[in-house]
Structure formats: C-alpha cells, structure tokens
Protein backbone atom coordinates (compact mmCIF):
# COMPACT_ATOMS: atom_id res chain seq x y z
CA MET A 1 21.46 3.10 -18.99
CA ALA A 2 23.86 0.65 -17.34
CA LYS A 3 24.04 2.86 -14.25
CA SER A 4 20.26 3.00 -14.04
CA LEU A 5 19.99 -0.79 -14.38
CA THR A 6 22.58 -1.30 -11.67
CA GLU A 7 20.73 1.02 -9.30
CA THR A 8 17.45 -0.78 -10.00
CA VAL A 9 18.90 -4.24 -9.39
CA THR A 10 20.70 -3.03 -6.26
CA SER A 11 17.51 -1.52 -4.88
CA ARG A 12 15.40 -4.61 -5.54
CA LEU A 13 17.96 -6.97 -4.04
CA ARG A 14 18.35 -4.70 -1.01
CA GLN A 15 14.60 -4.79 -0.41
CA ASP A 16 14.50 -8.58 -0.81
CA ILE A 17 17.26 -8.92 1.78
CA LEU A 18 15.74 -6.46 4.25
CA ARG A 19 12.31 -8.11 3.94
CA CYS A 20 13.90 -11.56 4.31
CA ALA A 21 12.64 -12.76 0.93
CA LEU A 22 16.33 -13.61 0.60
CA PRO A 23 17.16 -15.09 4.05
CA PRO A 24 20.49 -14.77 5.87
CA GLY A 25 23.13 -17.07 4.37
CA ALA A 26 21.23 -17.64 1.10
CA ARG A 27 23.43 -18.14 -1.96
CA LEU A 28 23.11 -15.46 -4.61
CA LEU A 29 23.60 -17.15 -7.97
CA THR A 30 24.66 -14.58 -10.52
CA GLY A 31 23.24 -16.51 -13.46
CA ALA A 32 19.83 -16.78 -11.83
CA LEU A 33 19.88 -13.09 -10.96
CA CYS A 34 20.78 -12.17 -14.54
CA ALA A 35 17.77 -14.15 -15.75
CA ARG A 36 15.47 -12.75 -13.08
CA PHE A 37 16.28 -9.11 -13.81
CA ASP A 38 17.08 -9.60 -17.52
CA VAL A 39 20.41 -7.82 -17.20
CA SER A 40 24.05 -8.56 -17.93
CA LEU A 41 26.48 -10.30 -15.60
CA ALA A 42 28.38 -7.02 -15.19
CA VAL A 43 25.26 -5.28 -13.87
CA VAL A 44 24.56 -8.07 -11.37
CA ARG A 45 28.14 -8.15 -10.12
CA GLU A 46 28.20 -4.39 -9.65
CA ALA A 47 24.92 -4.51 -7.73
CA LEU A 48 26.23 -7.30 -5.49
CA SER A 49 29.48 -5.42 -4.91
CA ARG A 50 27.50 -2.39 -3.74
CA LEU A 51 25.57 -4.55 -1.30
CA VAL A 52 28.84 -6.03 -0.03
CA ALA A 53 29.95 -2.48 0.78
CA GLU A 54 26.66 -1.97 2.67
CA GLY A 55 27.22 -5.10 4.75
CA LEU A 56 24.14 -6.91 3.40
CA VAL A 57 26.02 -9.35 1.16
CA VAL A 58 29.32 -11.18 1.66
CA ALA A 59 31.72 -12.10 -1.13
CA GLU A 60 33.18 -15.60 -1.06
CA PRO A 61 36.08 -17.30 -2.89
CA GLN A 62 35.64 -18.02 -6.60
CA ARG A 63 33.56 -14.85 -7.05
CA SER A 64 30.42 -16.18 -5.36
CA PHE A 65 28.10 -14.27 -3.04
CA ARG A 66 25.76 -14.93 -0.11
CA VAL A 67 23.32 -12.87 1.87
CA ALA A 68 25.16 -11.74 5.01
CA PRO A 69 24.48 -14.03 7.97
CA ILE A 70 23.22 -12.71 11.29
CA SER A 71 24.62 -13.28 14.77
CA VAL A 72 24.34 -12.09 18.34
CA ASP A 73 27.77 -10.46 18.19
CA ASP A 74 26.87 -8.61 15.00
CA LEU A 75 23.65 -7.28 16.49
CA HIS A 76 25.44 -6.10 19.64
CA ASP A 77 28.10 -4.34 17.57
CA LEU A 78 25.55 -2.90 15.17
CA THR A 79 23.39 -1.59 18.02
CA TRP A 80 26.36 0.05 19.76
CA LEU A 81 27.49 1.77 16.59
CA ARG A 82 23.98 2.79 15.61
CA ILE A 83 23.43 4.42 19.00
CA GLU A 84 26.67 6.37 18.59
CA ILE A 85 25.76 7.56 15.10
CA GLU A 86 22.04 8.19 15.65
CA THR A 87 22.57 10.19 18.83
CA LEU A 88 25.42 12.18 17.26
CA ALA A 89 23.19 13.09 14.31
CA LEU A 90 20.30 13.98 16.65
CA ARG A 91 22.48 16.18 18.84
CA ARG A 92 23.78 18.03 15.79
CA ALA A 93 20.24 18.42 14.44
CA ILE A 94 19.05 19.90 17.73
CA ALA A 95 22.02 22.27 17.85
CA ARG A 96 21.22 23.44 14.31
CA ALA A 97 17.44 23.31 14.76
CA THR A 98 15.40 25.10 12.12
CA LEU A 99 11.68 25.49 11.65
CA ASP A 100 11.83 23.21 8.62
CA TRP A 101 13.51 20.46 10.67
CA GLU A 102 11.04 20.80 13.52
CA SER A 103 8.11 20.69 11.08
CA ALA A 104 9.50 17.57 9.43
CA VAL A 105 9.85 15.82 12.80
CA VAL A 106 6.28 16.75 13.79
CA SER A 107 4.94 15.53 10.44
CA ALA A 108 6.89 12.25 10.57
CA LEU A 109 5.75 11.57 14.14
CA HIS A 110 2.13 12.26 13.22
CA ARG A 111 2.26 9.81 10.31
CA LEU A 112 3.97 7.14 12.42
CA LEU A 113 1.49 7.42 15.28
CA HIS A 114 -1.47 7.15 12.90
CA THR A 115 -0.19 4.15 10.93
CA PRO A 116 -1.09 0.67 12.26
CA LEU A 117 1.84 -1.48 13.36
CA TYR A 118 0.26 -4.60 11.88
CA ALA A 119 -1.20 -5.06 8.43
CA GLU A 120 -4.74 -5.53 9.73
CA GLY A 121 -4.44 -2.79 12.33
CA ALA A 122 -4.24 -5.17 15.26
CA ALA A 123 -1.91 -7.72 16.79
CA PRO A 124 -2.17 -11.21 15.23
CA PRO A 125 -3.80 -14.16 16.99
CA MET A 126 -1.70 -15.84 19.68
CA ASN A 127 1.09 -18.08 18.34
CA GLU A 128 0.83 -16.63 14.84
CA ALA A 129 3.56 -14.50 13.30
CA PRO A 130 2.51 -10.90 12.70
CA VAL A 131 2.24 -9.55 9.19
CA VAL A 132 4.58 -6.60 8.77
CA ASN A 133 2.71 -3.47 7.75
CA GLU A 134 4.91 -1.96 5.05
CA ALA A 135 3.27 1.44 5.54
CA TRP A 136 4.29 1.39 9.21
CA ALA A 137 7.82 0.28 8.32
CA ALA A 138 8.10 3.19 5.88
CA ALA A 139 6.71 5.66 8.43
CA HIS A 140 9.08 4.32 11.08
CA ALA A 141 12.08 4.74 8.79
CA ALA A 142 10.94 8.25 7.84
CA PHE A 143 10.58 9.25 11.50
CA HIS A 144 14.09 8.19 12.45
CA LEU A 145 15.47 9.85 9.34
CA ALA A 146 13.61 13.07 10.16
CA LEU A 147 15.25 13.20 13.58
CA ALA A 148 18.73 12.93 12.06
CA ALA A 149 18.17 14.89 8.85
CA GLY A 150 18.95 18.27 10.36
CA CYS A 151 22.51 17.30 11.28
CA GLY A 152 23.90 19.01 8.17
CA SER A 153 26.32 16.20 7.27
CA PRO A 154 25.60 14.09 4.16
CA SER A 155 28.42 11.70 5.12
CA LEU A 156 26.98 11.14 8.59
CA LEU A 157 23.53 10.55 7.12
CA ALA A 158 24.94 8.02 4.64
CA VAL A 159 26.56 6.01 7.44
CA ARG A 160 23.37 6.26 9.46
CA ALA A 161 21.25 4.99 6.55
CA SER A 162 23.45 1.91 6.10
CA LEU A 163 23.26 1.06 9.80
CA PHE A 164 19.49 1.56 9.83
CA ASP A 165 19.06 -0.85 6.90
CA ARG A 166 21.18 -3.52 8.57
CA SER A 167 19.22 -3.11 11.80
CA GLU A 168 15.92 -3.28 9.91
CA ARG A 169 16.71 -6.81 8.79
CA TYR A 170 17.05 -7.92 12.41
CA ARG A 171 13.81 -6.18 13.34
CA ARG A 172 11.93 -8.00 10.62
CA LEU A 173 13.43 -11.34 11.56
CA SER A 174 12.37 -10.68 15.13
CA ALA A 175 8.82 -9.82 14.03
CA ARG A 176 8.58 -13.15 12.22
CA ALA A 177 9.55 -14.93 15.41
CA GLY A 178 6.87 -13.34 17.57
CA ALA A 179 4.69 -10.30 18.18
CA GLU A 180 5.89 -7.29 20.13
CA PRO A 181 5.47 -7.73 23.90
CA ASP A 182 3.69 -5.16 26.01
CA ARG A 183 5.70 -2.23 24.70
CA ASP A 184 4.45 1.32 24.27
CA LEU A 185 6.10 2.26 20.98
CA GLU A 186 3.92 5.34 20.67
CA ARG A 187 5.18 6.65 24.00
CA GLU A 188 8.79 5.90 23.06
CA HIS A 189 8.64 7.68 19.71
CA ARG A 190 6.63 10.60 21.07
CA GLY A 191 9.06 11.05 23.97
CA ILE A 192 12.08 11.21 21.68
CA ALA A 193 10.41 13.71 19.36
CA GLU A 194 9.11 15.96 22.13
CA ALA A 195 12.50 16.13 23.83
CA ALA A 196 14.12 16.97 20.50
CA LEU A 197 11.57 19.68 19.78
CA ARG A 198 12.22 21.18 23.21
CA HIS A 199 15.91 21.23 22.21
CA GLU A 200 16.80 19.02 25.17
CA ALA A 201 19.71 17.24 23.52
CA ASP A 202 20.77 15.09 26.49
CA ALA A 203 17.24 13.88 27.19
CA ALA A 204 16.47 13.22 23.53
CA ALA A 205 19.73 11.31 23.01
CA ALA A 206 19.14 9.23 26.15
CA LEU A 207 15.61 8.33 25.08
CA LEU A 208 16.77 7.42 21.59
CA ALA A 209 19.59 5.26 22.94
CA ARG A 210 17.17 3.47 25.29
CA HIS A 211 14.74 2.94 22.42
CA LEU A 212 17.42 1.27 20.29
CA GLU A 213 18.76 -0.80 23.20
CA LEU A 214 15.28 -2.10 24.01
CA THR A 215 14.64 -3.01 20.37
CA ALA A 216 17.91 -4.95 20.25
CA ALA A 217 17.17 -6.78 23.51
CA LEU A 218 13.69 -7.80 22.37
CA THR A 219 15.09 -8.85 19.00
CA LEU A 220 17.61 -11.14 20.70
CA ASP A 221 14.87 -12.65 22.85
CA ASN A 222 12.60 -13.33 19.87
CA LEU A 223 15.35 -14.80 17.71
CA ALA A 224 16.54 -16.98 20.57
CA LEU A 225 13.02 -18.34 21.09
CA ALA A 226 12.69 -19.01 17.37
CA ALA A 227 15.97 -20.94 17.43
CA GLY A 228 14.89 -22.94 20.49
CA ALA A 229 17.75 -21.60 22.62
CA THR A 230 18.56 -19.03 25.22
CA THR A 231 19.71 -15.60 24.07
CA ALA A 232 23.26 -16.23 25.26
CA SER A 233 23.67 -19.41 23.25
CA VAL A 234 22.38 -18.30 19.86
CA GLU A 235 25.55 -17.92 17.77
CA PRO A 236 25.01 -17.53 14.89
CA ILE A 237 21.35 -17.53 13.82
CA THR A 238 21.12 -18.20 10.10
CA ALA A 239 17.48 -18.70 9.24
CA CYS A 240 14.43 -16.47 8.98
C-alpha cells in the first residue's frame, strides 16, 4: 500500500511540475503536501526524493525542497544530452527494425498529425497565450517514444524518458510565453518518421536532432521575450 501511495503522489507531483501548476523555484512544503494527498510524511519525502533523482525537484538544507529552477545553461545542456540519447535510441531502433516497431511509429504519427495543437483546434488570438491541448501533448510524447521504443534497451529508454520530461517543462513554459511561430511541425514529425521507416538512420537522426535544436532555440526566444530580455541575458529564468 505504501509503495502504491508513493507512486501516486510522485506521479501527481510530476504532472503538476511538468504542467507548471507548480512553477520553477516554488517551495514544496511537506506538511501541506501531506494534507493535500492525505498521506504520511514518509510517503511525501519518498516521492520528493524520487523527483530529485529525476531532476525535477532540488533538495535544500534542513530537509526542504523546491521545484527545480530553469536556466539557459540547463536548457542548452539538456538539449545536447537529449539529442545524443534520442538519436542513439533511434539508430538502434532502425538497426533492429521490426514490423511491430514500424507499425507503432506509423500509428503514433497518424494520431499526432490528426490531433490539434491547440485546445480549440486553432492558434489563439494575437497576444494571448495558447491553451495547451493535453491530447496533443500526449500524442507528441507517444510519437517520440515510439521512435525510440525499438532500441531494445530498457536502461536507455529510462534515461530518455527522464530527459523528455525535463524538456517538456521548458516546452510548456515557452508555450505560455507565446504561440508557435510559422513552423511546420507536421512536416518535421512526418520527415523524421518517414526516414526512420525507410531505415535511413543518418537522415532520420539528423532530422530528429534538427527538430530538437529548433524547439530549444524557439523556447529560448519565447522565454527571453517573456522575461523582457534578450536570449543571451536570461540567466536564470524562474517564473512561469
């Protein structure tokens, strides 16, 4: 029972952090969390410790916790490492390609391309923050997982999942700051999938790397505008 409670609390806190309901730098008061989830202090501390290991929470002196802050340097480092891991997993998946893997990629791409990016199916009015479509976010996560899932390494997939979650928080913060510019996400995702399905590992890896680099660059631009600064001077950004 205790293990199940810990997993539940960990999952709910993770989602709150990724969706920015708990913003970067926010204090995580253990007493308040115990009351919110109606669980013991031991359960809350274990959940927070797991999130520390995932890089979403930081532990401070005197056994206190905060949501991990964000910064330009962290995003650069995270993007570099994610490209290394995602392209490694994709290359291995292509080398081991099976019909099941190919079918999963086709299915995930189809769902992603037919799910609206915004909650109302269209970009928001000018100067208004877009409303994140949770169905699109789920389809997007499933697509990138499908590409990597054929790699045959549970350890590699676990590292990849942690990096994806940390990157997702930046993407959502960026979306709050402003709508996507004139970017053809459908073309980007389709291009990666088609190259992978043709078993063109170099092309698929290059397209995936470019896709992640562009997302990071646009994220930096949006967060810099939200902070009222140039991209180069935003260090660190600590508010949604």
